[in-house]
PDB file of all heavy atoms in Angstrom:
ATOM      1  N   LEU A   1     -12.287  -1.170  14.572  1.00  0.00           N
ATOM      2  CA  LEU A   1     -13.336  -1.511  13.596  1.00  0.00           C
ATOM      3  C   LEU A   1     -13.382  -2.981  13.360  1.00  0.00           C
ATOM      4  O   LEU A   1     -12.357  -3.644  13.286  1.00  0.00           O
ATOM      5  CB  LEU A   1     -13.088  -0.801  12.243  1.00  0.00           C
ATOM      6  CG  LEU A   1     -13.417   0.731  12.190  1.00  0.00           C
ATOM      7  CD1 LEU A   1     -12.213   1.495  12.732  1.00  0.00           C
ATOM      8  CD2 LEU A   1     -13.713   1.168  10.814  1.00  0.00           C
ATOM      9  N   ASP A   2     -14.635  -3.499  13.279  1.00  0.00           N
ATOM     10  CA  ASP A   2     -14.799  -4.994  13.217  1.00  0.00           C
ATOM     11  C   ASP A   2     -15.954  -5.290  12.260  1.00  0.00           C
ATOM     12  O   ASP A   2     -16.716  -4.350  11.878  1.00  0.00           O
ATOM     13  CB  ASP A   2     -15.082  -5.531  14.605  1.00  0.00           C
ATOM     14  CG  ASP A   2     -14.873  -7.042  14.694  1.00  0.00           C
ATOM     15  OD1 ASP A   2     -14.591  -7.645  13.690  1.00  0.00           O
ATOM     16  OD2 ASP A   2     -15.057  -7.541  15.773  1.00  0.00           O
ATOM     17  N   ALA A   3     -16.100  -6.510  11.921  1.00  0.00           N
ATOM     18  CA  ALA A   3     -17.264  -6.952  11.080  1.00  0.00           C
ATOM     19  C   ALA A   3     -17.327  -8.527  11.188  1.00  0.00           C
ATOM     20  O   ALA A   3     -16.325  -9.131  11.565  1.00  0.00           O
ATOM     21  CB  ALA A   3     -17.077  -6.492   9.650  1.00  0.00           C
ATOM     22  N   ASP A   4     -18.478  -9.085  10.844  1.00  0.00           N
ATOM     23  CA  ASP A   4     -18.606 -10.527  10.858  1.00  0.00           C
ATOM     24  C   ASP A   4     -17.614 -11.164   9.868  1.00  0.00           C
ATOM     25  O   ASP A   4     -17.372 -10.639   8.832  1.00  0.00           O
ATOM     26  CB  ASP A   4     -20.069 -10.921  10.516  1.00  0.00           C
ATOM     27  CG  ASP A   4     -21.002 -10.634  11.640  1.00  0.00           C
ATOM     28  OD1 ASP A   4     -20.561 -10.368  12.760  1.00  0.00           O
ATOM     29  OD2 ASP A   4     -22.199 -10.719  11.415  1.00  0.00           O
ATOM     30  N   ASP A   5     -17.193 -12.379  10.236  1.00  0.00           N
ATOM     31  CA  ASP A   5     -16.267 -13.092   9.335  1.00  0.00           C
ATOM     32  C   ASP A   5     -16.813 -13.271   7.918  1.00  0.00           C
ATOM     33  O   ASP A   5     -16.091 -13.091   6.932  1.00  0.00           O
ATOM     34  CB  ASP A   5     -15.898 -14.434   9.930  1.00  0.00           C
ATOM     35  CG  ASP A   5     -14.997 -14.285  11.192  1.00  0.00           C
ATOM     36  OD1 ASP A   5     -14.686 -13.186  11.547  1.00  0.00           O
ATOM     37  OD2 ASP A   5     -14.640 -15.345  11.768  1.00  0.00           O
ATOM     38  N   ALA A   6     -18.090 -13.633   7.861  1.00  0.00           N
ATOM     39  CA  ALA A   6     -18.660 -13.877   6.557  1.00  0.00           C
ATOM     40  C   ALA A   6     -18.682 -12.630   5.655  1.00  0.00           C
ATOM     41  O   ALA A   6     -18.481 -12.703   4.423  1.00  0.00           O
ATOM     42  CB  ALA A   6     -20.158 -14.341   6.687  1.00  0.00           C
ATOM     43  N   ILE A   7     -18.948 -11.439   6.288  1.00  0.00           N
ATOM     44  CA  ILE A   7     -18.894 -10.213   5.553  1.00  0.00           C
ATOM     45  C   ILE A   7     -17.467  -9.855   5.111  1.00  0.00           C
ATOM     46  O   ILE A   7     -17.259  -9.342   3.967  1.00  0.00           O
ATOM     47  CB  ILE A   7     -19.485  -9.054   6.413  1.00  0.00           C
ATOM     48  CG1 ILE A   7     -20.975  -9.341   6.673  1.00  0.00           C
ATOM     49  CG2 ILE A   7     -19.337  -7.699   5.717  1.00  0.00           C
ATOM     50  CD1 ILE A   7     -21.846  -9.395   5.434  1.00  0.00           C
ATOM     51  N   LEU A   8     -16.518 -10.111   5.939  1.00  0.00           N
ATOM     52  CA  LEU A   8     -15.115  -9.796   5.601  1.00  0.00           C
ATOM     53  C   LEU A   8     -14.658 -10.639   4.419  1.00  0.00           C
ATOM     54  O   LEU A   8     -14.069 -10.220   3.472  1.00  0.00           O
ATOM     55  CB  LEU A   8     -14.205 -10.080   6.837  1.00  0.00           C
ATOM     56  CG  LEU A   8     -14.411  -9.155   8.011  1.00  0.00           C
ATOM     57  CD1 LEU A   8     -13.500  -9.601   9.138  1.00  0.00           C
ATOM     58  CD2 LEU A   8     -14.066  -7.713   7.629  1.00  0.00           C
ATOM     59  N   ILE A   9     -15.062 -11.965   4.488  1.00  0.00           N
ATOM     60  CA  ILE A   9     -14.723 -12.848   3.382  1.00  0.00           C
ATOM     61  C   ILE A   9     -15.407 -12.386   2.077  1.00  0.00           C
ATOM     62  O   ILE A   9     -14.841 -12.382   0.970  1.00  0.00           O
ATOM     63  CB  ILE A   9     -15.195 -14.313   3.681  1.00  0.00           C
ATOM     64  CG1 ILE A   9     -14.344 -14.863   4.822  1.00  0.00           C
ATOM     65  CG2 ILE A   9     -15.100 -15.219   2.469  1.00  0.00           C
ATOM     66  CD1 ILE A   9     -14.764 -16.252   5.340  1.00  0.00           C
ATOM     67  N   GLN A  10     -16.683 -11.918   2.209  1.00  0.00           N
ATOM     68  CA  GLN A  10     -17.394 -11.439   1.037  1.00  0.00           C
ATOM     69  C   GLN A  10     -16.658 -10.219   0.430  1.00  0.00           C
ATOM     70  O   GLN A  10     -16.540 -10.052  -0.780  1.00  0.00           O
ATOM     71  CB  GLN A  10     -18.782 -11.107   1.392  1.00  0.00           C
ATOM     72  CG  GLN A  10     -19.635 -10.529   0.259  1.00  0.00           C
ATOM     73  CD  GLN A  10     -21.039 -10.144   0.724  1.00  0.00           C
ATOM     74  OE1 GLN A  10     -21.594 -10.738   1.652  1.00  0.00           O
ATOM     75  NE2 GLN A  10     -21.615  -9.179   0.037  1.00  0.00           N
ATOM     76  N   ARG A  11     -16.237  -9.319   1.301  1.00  0.00           N
ATOM     77  CA  ARG A  11     -15.604  -8.077   0.819  1.00  0.00           C
ATOM     78  C   ARG A  11     -14.295  -8.346   0.116  1.00  0.00           C
ATOM     79  O   ARG A  11     -13.959  -7.777  -0.922  1.00  0.00           O
ATOM     80  CB  ARG A  11     -15.384  -7.103   2.009  1.00  0.00           C
ATOM     81  CG  ARG A  11     -16.655  -6.551   2.561  1.00  0.00           C
ATOM     82  CD  ARG A  11     -16.429  -5.693   3.818  1.00  0.00           C
ATOM     83  NE  ARG A  11     -17.697  -5.202   4.344  1.00  0.00           N
ATOM     84  CZ  ARG A  11     -17.817  -4.574   5.525  1.00  0.00           C
ATOM     85  NH1 ARG A  11     -16.769  -4.355   6.226  1.00  0.00           N
ATOM     86  NH2 ARG A  11     -19.000  -4.154   5.931  1.00  0.00           N
ATOM     87  N   PHE A  12     -13.521  -9.325   0.700  1.00  0.00           N
ATOM     88  CA  PHE A  12     -12.266  -9.677   0.025  1.00  0.00           C
ATOM     89  C   PHE A  12     -12.507 -10.391  -1.336  1.00  0.00           C
ATOM     90  O   PHE A  12     -11.792 -10.189  -2.278  1.00  0.00           O
ATOM     91  CB  PHE A  12     -11.442 -10.570   0.908  1.00  0.00           C
ATOM     92  CG  PHE A  12     -10.574  -9.832   1.914  1.00  0.00           C
ATOM     93  CD1 PHE A  12     -10.952  -9.660   3.244  1.00  0.00           C
ATOM     94  CD2 PHE A  12      -9.382  -9.265   1.500  1.00  0.00           C
ATOM     95  CE1 PHE A  12     -10.156  -8.968   4.128  1.00  0.00           C
ATOM     96  CE2 PHE A  12      -8.578  -8.503   2.345  1.00  0.00           C
ATOM     97  CZ  PHE A  12      -8.960  -8.389   3.687  1.00  0.00           C
ATOM     98  N   SER A  13     -13.567 -11.170  -1.432  1.00  0.00           N
ATOM     99  CA  SER A  13     -13.930 -11.840  -2.645  1.00  0.00           C
ATOM    100  C   SER A  13     -14.346 -10.813  -3.683  1.00  0.00           C
ATOM    101  O   SER A  13     -13.986 -10.929  -4.887  1.00  0.00           O
ATOM    102  CB  SER A  13     -15.043 -12.880  -2.429  1.00  0.00           C
ATOM    103  OG  SER A  13     -14.613 -13.865  -1.460  1.00  0.00           O
ATOM    104  N   GLU A  14     -15.117  -9.803  -3.312  1.00  0.00           N
ATOM    105  CA  GLU A  14     -15.612  -8.826  -4.228  1.00  0.00           C
ATOM    106  C   GLU A  14     -14.495  -7.954  -4.795  1.00  0.00           C
ATOM    107  O   GLU A  14     -14.464  -7.547  -5.952  1.00  0.00           O
ATOM    108  CB  GLU A  14     -16.682  -7.978  -3.570  1.00  0.00           C
ATOM    109  CG  GLU A  14     -18.021  -8.685  -3.293  1.00  0.00           C
ATOM    110  CD  GLU A  14     -18.967  -7.921  -2.492  1.00  0.00           C
ATOM    111  OE1 GLU A  14     -18.576  -6.808  -1.956  1.00  0.00           O
ATOM    112  OE2 GLU A  14     -20.168  -8.284  -2.400  1.00  0.00           O
ATOM    113  N   THR A  15     -13.581  -7.550  -3.897  1.00  0.00           N
ATOM    114  CA  THR A  15     -12.496  -6.641  -4.310  1.00  0.00           C
ATOM    115  C   THR A  15     -11.283  -7.444  -4.863  1.00  0.00           C
ATOM    116  O   THR A  15     -10.442  -6.823  -5.495  1.00  0.00           O
ATOM    117  CB  THR A  15     -12.021  -5.801  -3.141  1.00  0.00           C
ATOM    118  OG1 THR A  15     -11.509  -6.656  -2.068  1.00  0.00           O
ATOM    119  CG2 THR A  15     -13.161  -5.007  -2.602  1.00  0.00           C
ATOM    120  N   ARG A  16     -11.254  -8.707  -4.634  1.00  0.00           N
ATOM    121  CA  ARG A  16     -10.127  -9.559  -5.048  1.00  0.00           C
ATOM    122  C   ARG A  16      -8.814  -9.132  -4.490  1.00  0.00           C
ATOM    123  O   ARG A  16      -7.731  -9.313  -5.083  1.00  0.00           O
ATOM    124  CB  ARG A  16     -10.059  -9.663  -6.627  1.00  0.00           C
ATOM    125  CG  ARG A  16     -11.318 -10.226  -7.225  1.00  0.00           C
ATOM    126  CD  ARG A  16     -11.127 -10.510  -8.714  1.00  0.00           C
ATOM    127  NE  ARG A  16     -12.355 -11.119  -9.321  1.00  0.00           N
ATOM    128  CZ  ARG A  16     -12.631 -12.355  -9.225  1.00  0.00           C
ATOM    129  NH1 ARG A  16     -11.835 -13.212  -8.575  1.00  0.00           N
ATOM    130  NH2 ARG A  16     -13.771 -12.786  -9.785  1.00  0.00           N
ATOM    131  N   ARG A  17      -8.902  -8.496  -3.286  1.00  0.00           N
ATOM    132  CA  ARG A  17      -7.668  -8.091  -2.587  1.00  0.00           C
ATOM    133  C   ARG A  17      -7.199  -9.274  -1.794  1.00  0.00           C
ATOM    134  O   ARG A  17      -7.919 -10.157  -1.345  1.00  0.00           O
ATOM    135  CB  ARG A  17      -7.900  -6.888  -1.708  1.00  0.00           C
ATOM    136  CG  ARG A  17      -8.207  -5.616  -2.488  1.00  0.00           C
ATOM    137  CD  ARG A  17      -8.470  -4.499  -1.441  1.00  0.00           C
ATOM    138  NE  ARG A  17      -7.451  -4.411  -0.397  1.00  0.00           N
ATOM    139  CZ  ARG A  17      -7.683  -4.107   0.858  1.00  0.00           C
ATOM    140  NH1 ARG A  17      -8.931  -4.031   1.334  1.00  0.00           N
ATOM    141  NH2 ARG A  17      -6.663  -4.050   1.689  1.00  0.00           N
ATOM    142  N   ARG A  18      -5.902  -9.280  -1.486  1.00  0.00           N
ATOM    143  CA  ARG A  18      -5.304 -10.316  -0.689  1.00  0.00           C
ATOM    144  C   ARG A  18      -5.275  -9.912   0.767  1.00  0.00           C
ATOM    145  O   ARG A  18      -4.918  -8.757   1.072  1.00  0.00           O
ATOM    146  CB  ARG A  18      -3.857 -10.590  -1.181  1.00  0.00           C
ATOM    147  CG  ARG A  18      -3.074 -11.632  -0.326  1.00  0.00           C
ATOM    148  CD  ARG A  18      -1.652 -11.739  -0.840  1.00  0.00           C
ATOM    149  NE  ARG A  18      -0.894 -12.608   0.076  1.00  0.00           N
ATOM    150  CZ  ARG A  18      -0.261 -12.176   1.151  1.00  0.00           C
ATOM    151  NH1 ARG A  18      -0.383 -10.899   1.546  1.00  0.00           N
ATOM    152  NH2 ARG A  18       0.405 -13.004   1.923  1.00  0.00           N
ATOM    153  N   HIS A  19      -5.715 -10.832   1.654  1.00  0.00           N
ATOM    154  CA  HIS A  19      -5.642 -10.482   3.057  1.00  0.00           C
ATOM    155  C   HIS A  19      -4.147 -10.517   3.489  1.00  0.00           C
ATOM    156  O   HIS A  19      -3.420 -11.390   3.029  1.00  0.00           O
ATOM    157  CB  HIS A  19      -6.429 -11.605   3.840  1.00  0.00           C
ATOM    158  CG  HIS A  19      -6.589 -11.262   5.303  1.00  0.00           C
ATOM    159  ND1 HIS A  19      -5.595 -11.377   6.217  1.00  0.00           N
ATOM    160  CD2 HIS A  19      -7.654 -10.805   5.971  1.00  0.00           C
ATOM    161  CE1 HIS A  19      -6.018 -11.051   7.392  1.00  0.00           C
ATOM    162  NE2 HIS A  19      -7.270 -10.697   7.275  1.00  0.00           N
ATOM    163  N   PRO A  20      -3.705  -9.602   4.304  1.00  0.00           N
ATOM    164  CA  PRO A  20      -2.295  -9.464   4.652  1.00  0.00           C
ATOM    165  C   PRO A  20      -1.740 -10.674   5.379  1.00  0.00           C
ATOM    166  O   PRO A  20      -0.499 -10.884   5.394  1.00  0.00           O
ATOM    167  CB  PRO A  20      -2.222  -8.198   5.579  1.00  0.00           C
ATOM    168  CG  PRO A  20      -3.629  -8.001   6.041  1.00  0.00           C
ATOM    169  CD  PRO A  20      -4.516  -8.482   4.923  1.00  0.00           C
ATOM    170  N   LEU A  21      -2.593 -11.542   5.945  1.00  0.00           N
ATOM    171  CA  LEU A  21      -2.084 -12.703   6.672  1.00  0.00           C
ATOM    172  C   LEU A  21      -2.265 -14.017   5.889  1.00  0.00           C
ATOM    173  O   LEU A  21      -1.925 -15.090   6.437  1.00  0.00           O
ATOM    174  CB  LEU A  21      -2.742 -12.840   8.041  1.00  0.00           C
ATOM    175  CG  LEU A  21      -2.513 -11.644   9.033  1.00  0.00           C
ATOM    176  CD1 LEU A  21      -3.118 -11.956  10.372  1.00  0.00           C
ATOM    177  CD2 LEU A  21      -1.036 -11.368   9.117  1.00  0.00           C
ATOM    178  N   THR A  22      -2.783 -14.000   4.737  1.00  0.00           N
ATOM    179  CA  THR A  22      -2.935 -15.177   3.902  1.00  0.00           C
ATOM    180  C   THR A  22      -1.564 -15.563   3.289  1.00  0.00           C
ATOM    181  O   THR A  22      -0.754 -14.768   2.923  1.00  0.00           O
ATOM    182  CB  THR A  22      -3.955 -15.007   2.793  1.00  0.00           C
ATOM    183  OG1 THR A  22      -3.622 -13.908   2.005  1.00  0.00           O
ATOM    184  CG2 THR A  22      -5.366 -14.902   3.295  1.00  0.00           C
ATOM    185  N   ASP A  23      -1.286 -16.912   3.297  1.00  0.00           N
ATOM    186  CA  ASP A  23      -0.086 -17.397   2.643  1.00  0.00           C
ATOM    187  C   ASP A  23      -0.330 -18.878   2.328  1.00  0.00           C
ATOM    188  O   ASP A  23      -1.468 -19.325   2.268  1.00  0.00           O
ATOM    189  CB  ASP A  23       1.129 -17.234   3.582  1.00  0.00           C
ATOM    190  CG  ASP A  23       0.850 -17.807   4.990  1.00  0.00           C
ATOM    191  OD1 ASP A  23       0.042 -18.829   5.084  1.00  0.00           O
ATOM    192  OD2 ASP A  23       1.454 -17.350   5.942  1.00  0.00           O
ATOM    193  N   GLU A  24       0.750 -19.597   2.069  1.00  0.00           N
ATOM    194  CA  GLU A  24       0.599 -20.982   1.618  1.00  0.00           C
ATOM    195  C   GLU A  24       0.001 -21.865   2.724  1.00  0.00           C
ATOM    196  O   GLU A  24      -0.567 -22.882   2.471  1.00  0.00           O
ATOM    197  CB  GLU A  24       1.974 -21.596   1.235  1.00  0.00           C
ATOM    198  CG  GLU A  24       2.586 -20.961  -0.009  1.00  0.00           C
ATOM    199  CD  GLU A  24       3.295 -19.627   0.295  1.00  0.00           C
ATOM    200  OE1 GLU A  24       3.274 -19.216   1.449  1.00  0.00           O
ATOM    201  OE2 GLU A  24       3.779 -19.030  -0.674  1.00  0.00           O
ATOM    202  N   GLU A  25       0.098 -21.363   3.999  1.00  0.00           N
ATOM    203  CA  GLU A  25      -0.372 -22.189   5.111  1.00  0.00           C
ATOM    204  C   GLU A  25      -1.706 -21.675   5.684  1.00  0.00           C
ATOM    205  O   GLU A  25      -2.326 -22.378   6.483  1.00  0.00           O
ATOM    206  CB  GLU A  25       0.649 -22.121   6.265  1.00  0.00           C
ATOM    207  CG  GLU A  25       2.033 -22.720   5.844  1.00  0.00           C
ATOM    208  CD  GLU A  25       3.070 -22.619   6.993  1.00  0.00           C
ATOM    209  OE1 GLU A  25       2.661 -22.008   8.050  1.00  0.00           O
ATOM    210  OE2 GLU A  25       4.146 -23.077   6.824  1.00  0.00           O
ATOM    211  N   HIS A  26      -2.172 -20.490   5.303  1.00  0.00           N
ATOM    212  CA  HIS A  26      -3.427 -19.978   5.832  1.00  0.00           C
ATOM    213  C   HIS A  26      -4.421 -19.589   4.728  1.00  0.00           C
ATOM    214  O   HIS A  26      -4.056 -18.737   3.876  1.00  0.00           O
ATOM    215  CB  HIS A  26      -3.080 -18.773   6.677  1.00  0.00           C
ATOM    216  CG  HIS A  26      -2.281 -19.062   7.914  1.00  0.00           C
ATOM    217  ND1 HIS A  26      -0.923 -18.988   7.900  1.00  0.00           N
ATOM    218  CD2 HIS A  26      -2.620 -19.455   9.208  1.00  0.00           C
ATOM    219  CE1 HIS A  26      -0.400 -19.275   9.039  1.00  0.00           C
ATOM    220  NE2 HIS A  26      -1.448 -19.573   9.887  1.00  0.00           N
ATOM    221  N   THR A  27      -5.578 -20.195   4.827  1.00  0.00           N
ATOM    222  CA  THR A  27      -6.657 -19.738   3.918  1.00  0.00           C
ATOM    223  C   THR A  27      -7.239 -18.415   4.402  1.00  0.00           C
ATOM    224  O   THR A  27      -6.819 -17.949   5.452  1.00  0.00           O
ATOM    225  CB  THR A  27      -7.780 -20.764   3.871  1.00  0.00           C
ATOM    226  OG1 THR A  27      -8.363 -20.936   5.200  1.00  0.00           O
ATOM    227  CG2 THR A  27      -7.269 -22.185   3.392  1.00  0.00           C
ATOM    228  N   LEU A  28      -8.156 -17.858   3.638  1.00  0.00           N
ATOM    229  CA  LEU A  28      -8.704 -16.547   4.019  1.00  0.00           C
ATOM    230  C   LEU A  28      -9.416 -16.633   5.357  1.00  0.00           C
ATOM    231  O   LEU A  28      -9.225 -15.726   6.272  1.00  0.00           O
ATOM    232  CB  LEU A  28      -9.614 -16.042   2.908  1.00  0.00           C
ATOM    233  CG  LEU A  28     -10.377 -14.706   3.198  1.00  0.00           C
ATOM    234  CD1 LEU A  28      -9.374 -13.652   3.472  1.00  0.00           C
ATOM    235  CD2 LEU A  28     -11.266 -14.345   2.010  1.00  0.00           C
ATOM    236  N   ASP A  29     -10.264 -17.594   5.543  1.00  0.00           N
ATOM    237  CA  ASP A  29     -10.981 -17.676   6.866  1.00  0.00           C
ATOM    238  C   ASP A  29      -9.997 -17.923   8.023  1.00  0.00           C
ATOM    239  O   ASP A  29     -10.230 -17.418   9.139  1.00  0.00           O
ATOM    240  CB  ASP A  29     -12.086 -18.730   6.803  1.00  0.00           C
ATOM    241  CG  ASP A  29     -11.570 -20.080   6.380  1.00  0.00           C
ATOM    242  OD1 ASP A  29     -10.468 -20.223   5.801  1.00  0.00           O
ATOM    243  OD2 ASP A  29     -12.289 -21.068   6.612  1.00  0.00           O
ATOM    244  N   GLU A  30      -8.966 -18.717   7.766  1.00  0.00           N
ATOM    245  CA  GLU A  30      -7.947 -18.977   8.840  1.00  0.00           C
ATOM    246  C   GLU A  30      -7.197 -17.681   9.119  1.00  0.00           C
ATOM    247  O   GLU A  30      -6.876 -17.395  10.300  1.00  0.00           O
ATOM    248  CB  GLU A  30      -7.012 -20.058   8.401  1.00  0.00           C
ATOM    249  CG  GLU A  30      -7.680 -21.435   8.349  1.00  0.00           C
ATOM    250  CD  GLU A  30      -6.714 -22.485   7.729  1.00  0.00           C
ATOM    251  OE1 GLU A  30      -5.793 -22.105   7.056  1.00  0.00           O
ATOM    252  OE2 GLU A  30      -6.986 -23.660   7.959  1.00  0.00           O
ATOM    253  N   ALA A  31      -6.884 -16.870   8.062  1.00  0.00           N
ATOM    254  CA  ALA A  31      -6.164 -15.616   8.279  1.00  0.00           C
ATOM    255  C   ALA A  31      -7.009 -14.623   9.052  1.00  0.00           C
ATOM    256  O   ALA A  31      -6.494 -13.933   9.951  1.00  0.00           O
ATOM    257  CB  ALA A  31      -5.786 -15.054   6.935  1.00  0.00           C
ATOM    258  N   ILE A  32      -8.318 -14.604   8.821  1.00  0.00           N
ATOM    259  CA  ILE A  32      -9.202 -13.695   9.574  1.00  0.00           C
ATOM    260  C   ILE A  32      -9.227 -14.120  11.032  1.00  0.00           C
ATOM    261  O   ILE A  32      -9.169 -13.259  11.939  1.00  0.00           O
ATOM    262  CB  ILE A  32     -10.591 -13.659   9.002  1.00  0.00           C
ATOM    263  CG1 ILE A  32     -10.553 -13.063   7.588  1.00  0.00           C
ATOM    264  CG2 ILE A  32     -11.621 -12.970   9.843  1.00  0.00           C
ATOM    265  CD1 ILE A  32     -11.866 -13.083   6.853  1.00  0.00           C
ATOM    266  N   ALA A  33      -9.314 -15.392  11.289  1.00  0.00           N
ATOM    267  CA  ALA A  33      -9.357 -15.932  12.659  1.00  0.00           C
ATOM    268  C   ALA A  33      -8.034 -15.550  13.383  1.00  0.00           C
ATOM    269  O   ALA A  33      -8.036 -15.143  14.569  1.00  0.00           O
ATOM    270  CB  ALA A  33      -9.583 -17.447  12.716  1.00  0.00           C
ATOM    271  N   LEU A  34      -6.915 -15.742  12.700  1.00  0.00           N
ATOM    272  CA  LEU A  34      -5.631 -15.405  13.268  1.00  0.00           C
ATOM    273  C   LEU A  34      -5.505 -13.924  13.582  1.00  0.00           C
ATOM    274  O   LEU A  34      -4.981 -13.518  14.593  1.00  0.00           O
ATOM    275  CB  LEU A  34      -4.488 -15.830  12.291  1.00  0.00           C
ATOM    276  CG  LEU A  34      -3.062 -15.531  12.729  1.00  0.00           C
ATOM    277  CD1 LEU A  34      -2.697 -16.186  14.073  1.00  0.00           C
ATOM    278  CD2 LEU A  34      -2.079 -15.949  11.653  1.00  0.00           C
ATOM    279  N   GLU A  35      -5.996 -13.132  12.619  1.00  0.00           N
ATOM    280  CA  GLU A  35      -5.928 -11.633  12.773  1.00  0.00           C
ATOM    281  C   GLU A  35      -6.785 -11.229  13.994  1.00  0.00           C
ATOM    282  O   GLU A  35      -6.389 -10.378  14.815  1.00  0.00           O
ATOM    283  CB  GLU A  35      -6.427 -10.952  11.530  1.00  0.00           C
ATOM    284  CG  GLU A  35      -6.384  -9.469  11.589  1.00  0.00           C
ATOM    285  CD  GLU A  35      -6.875  -8.781  10.336  1.00  0.00           C
ATOM    286  OE1 GLU A  35      -7.868  -9.334   9.731  1.00  0.00           O
ATOM    287  OE2 GLU A  35      -6.340  -7.742   9.901  1.00  0.00           O
ATOM    288  N   ARG A  36      -7.946 -11.812  14.153  1.00  0.00           N
ATOM    289  CA  ARG A  36      -8.868 -11.490  15.281  1.00  0.00           C
ATOM    290  C   ARG A  36      -8.172 -11.785  16.544  1.00  0.00           C
ATOM    291  O   ARG A  36      -8.246 -11.008  17.568  1.00  0.00           O
ATOM    292  CB  ARG A  36     -10.167 -12.239  15.124  1.00  0.00           C
ATOM    293  CG  ARG A  36     -11.261 -11.755  16.037  1.00  0.00           C
ATOM    294  CD  ARG A  36     -12.557 -12.475  15.767  1.00  0.00           C
ATOM    295  NE  ARG A  36     -13.141 -12.273  14.469  1.00  0.00           N
ATOM    296  CZ  ARG A  36     -13.829 -11.157  14.151  1.00  0.00           C
ATOM    297  NH1 ARG A  36     -14.032 -10.208  15.028  1.00  0.00           N
ATOM    298  NH2 ARG A  36     -14.276 -10.999  12.919  1.00  0.00           N
ATOM    299  N   GLU A  37      -7.536 -12.902  16.639  1.00  0.00           N
ATOM    300  CA  GLU A  37      -6.846 -13.344  17.862  1.00  0.00           C
ATOM    301  C   GLU A  37      -5.635 -12.387  18.146  1.00  0.00           C
ATOM    302  O   GLU A  37      -5.432 -11.978  19.271  1.00  0.00           O
ATOM    303  CB  GLU A  37      -6.327 -14.725  17.726  1.00  0.00           C
ATOM    304  CG  GLU A  37      -5.525 -15.277  18.930  1.00  0.00           C
ATOM    305  CD  GLU A  37      -4.999 -16.675  18.751  1.00  0.00           C
ATOM    306  OE1 GLU A  37      -5.307 -17.322  17.695  1.00  0.00           O
ATOM    307  OE2 GLU A  37      -4.300 -17.170  19.655  1.00  0.00           O
ATOM    308  N   THR A  38      -4.915 -12.057  17.140  1.00  0.00           N
ATOM    309  CA  THR A  38      -3.765 -11.177  17.252  1.00  0.00           C
ATOM    310  C   THR A  38      -4.130  -9.774  17.757  1.00  0.00           C
ATOM    311  O   THR A  38      -3.384  -9.175  18.561  1.00  0.00           O
ATOM    312  CB  THR A  38      -2.988 -11.001  15.915  1.00  0.00           C
ATOM    313  OG1 THR A  38      -2.579 -12.290  15.472  1.00  0.00           O
ATOM    314  CG2 THR A  38      -1.729 -10.147  16.071  1.00  0.00           C
ATOM    315  N   LEU A  39      -5.275  -9.292  17.327  1.00  0.00           N
ATOM    316  CA  LEU A  39      -5.696  -7.915  17.650  1.00  0.00           C
ATOM    317  C   LEU A  39      -6.521  -7.850  18.944  1.00  0.00           C
ATOM    318  O   LEU A  39      -7.013  -6.788  19.338  1.00  0.00           O
ATOM    319  CB  LEU A  39      -6.519  -7.318  16.539  1.00  0.00           C
ATOM    320  CG  LEU A  39      -5.776  -7.106  15.233  1.00  0.00           C
ATOM    321  CD1 LEU A  39      -6.721  -6.581  14.151  1.00  0.00           C
ATOM    322  CD2 LEU A  39      -4.645  -6.056  15.448  1.00  0.00           C
ATOM    323  N   THR A  40      -6.684  -8.985  19.696  1.00  0.00           N
ATOM    324  CA  THR A  40      -7.467  -8.997  20.906  1.00  0.00           C
ATOM    325  C   THR A  40      -7.012  -7.931  21.898  1.00  0.00           C
ATOM    326  O   THR A  40      -7.859  -7.273  22.507  1.00  0.00           O
ATOM    327  CB  THR A  40      -7.461 -10.363  21.505  1.00  0.00           C
ATOM    328  OG1 THR A  40      -8.072 -11.332  20.612  1.00  0.00           O
ATOM    329  CG2 THR A  40      -8.199 -10.423  22.846  1.00  0.00           C
ATOM    330  N   PRO A  41      -5.696  -7.753  22.148  1.00  0.00           N
ATOM    331  CA  PRO A  41      -5.304  -6.682  23.113  1.00  0.00           C
ATOM    332  C   PRO A  41      -5.702  -5.343  22.757  1.00  0.00           C
ATOM    333  O   PRO A  41      -6.149  -4.567  23.636  1.00  0.00           O
ATOM    334  CB  PRO A  41      -3.733  -6.866  23.086  1.00  0.00           C
ATOM    335  CG  PRO A  41      -3.483  -8.225  22.633  1.00  0.00           C
ATOM    336  CD  PRO A  41      -4.519  -8.559  21.626  1.00  0.00           C
ATOM    337  N   LEU A  42      -5.716  -5.014  21.403  1.00  0.00           N
ATOM    338  CA  LEU A  42      -6.133  -3.699  20.999  1.00  0.00           C
ATOM    339  C   LEU A  42      -7.621  -3.547  21.107  1.00  0.00           C
ATOM    340  O   LEU A  42      -8.181  -2.493  21.428  1.00  0.00           O
ATOM    341  CB  LEU A  42      -5.653  -3.432  19.589  1.00  0.00           C
ATOM    342  CG  LEU A  42      -4.182  -3.048  19.453  1.00  0.00           C
ATOM    343  CD1 LEU A  42      -3.847  -2.855  17.975  1.00  0.00           C
ATOM    344  CD2 LEU A  42      -3.845  -1.803  20.252  1.00  0.00           C
ATOM    345  N   ASN A  43      -8.365  -4.681  20.790  1.00  0.00           N
ATOM    346  CA  ASN A  43      -9.788  -4.606  20.938  1.00  0.00           C
ATOM    347  C   ASN A  43     -10.220  -4.327  22.334  1.00  0.00           C
ATOM    348  O   ASN A  43     -11.119  -3.559  22.617  1.00  0.00           O
ATOM    349  CB  ASN A  43     -10.365  -5.947  20.486  1.00  0.00           C
ATOM    350  CG  ASN A  43     -11.906  -5.922  20.352  1.00  0.00           C
ATOM    351  OD1 ASN A  43     -12.530  -4.947  20.483  1.00  0.00           O
ATOM    352  ND2 ASN A  43     -12.461  -7.078  20.094  1.00  0.00           N
ATOM    353  N   GLU A  44      -9.503  -4.938  23.310  1.00  0.00           N
ATOM    354  CA  GLU A  44      -9.852  -4.701  24.728  1.00  0.00           C
ATOM    355  C   GLU A  44      -9.456  -3.284  25.245  1.00  0.00           C
ATOM    356  O   GLU A  44     -10.017  -2.780  26.155  1.00  0.00           O
ATOM    357  CB  GLU A  44      -9.089  -5.761  25.544  1.00  0.00           C
ATOM    358  CG  GLU A  44      -9.606  -7.183  25.296  1.00  0.00           C
ATOM    359  CD  GLU A  44      -8.796  -8.263  26.040  1.00  0.00           C
ATOM    360  OE1 GLU A  44      -7.681  -7.878  26.584  1.00  0.00           O
ATOM    361  OE2 GLU A  44      -9.235  -9.409  26.090  1.00  0.00           O
TER     362      GLU A  44
END
């Protein structure tokens, strides 16, 4: 399952949930980009 980055950011903002990869070093958009890269093998 996938969605545009802007929509994912909007959904996290609306629910105020924390992205599992966000931390002191990664903002939400950086966490989404990292997650997309990490899941590339499963996407393929």
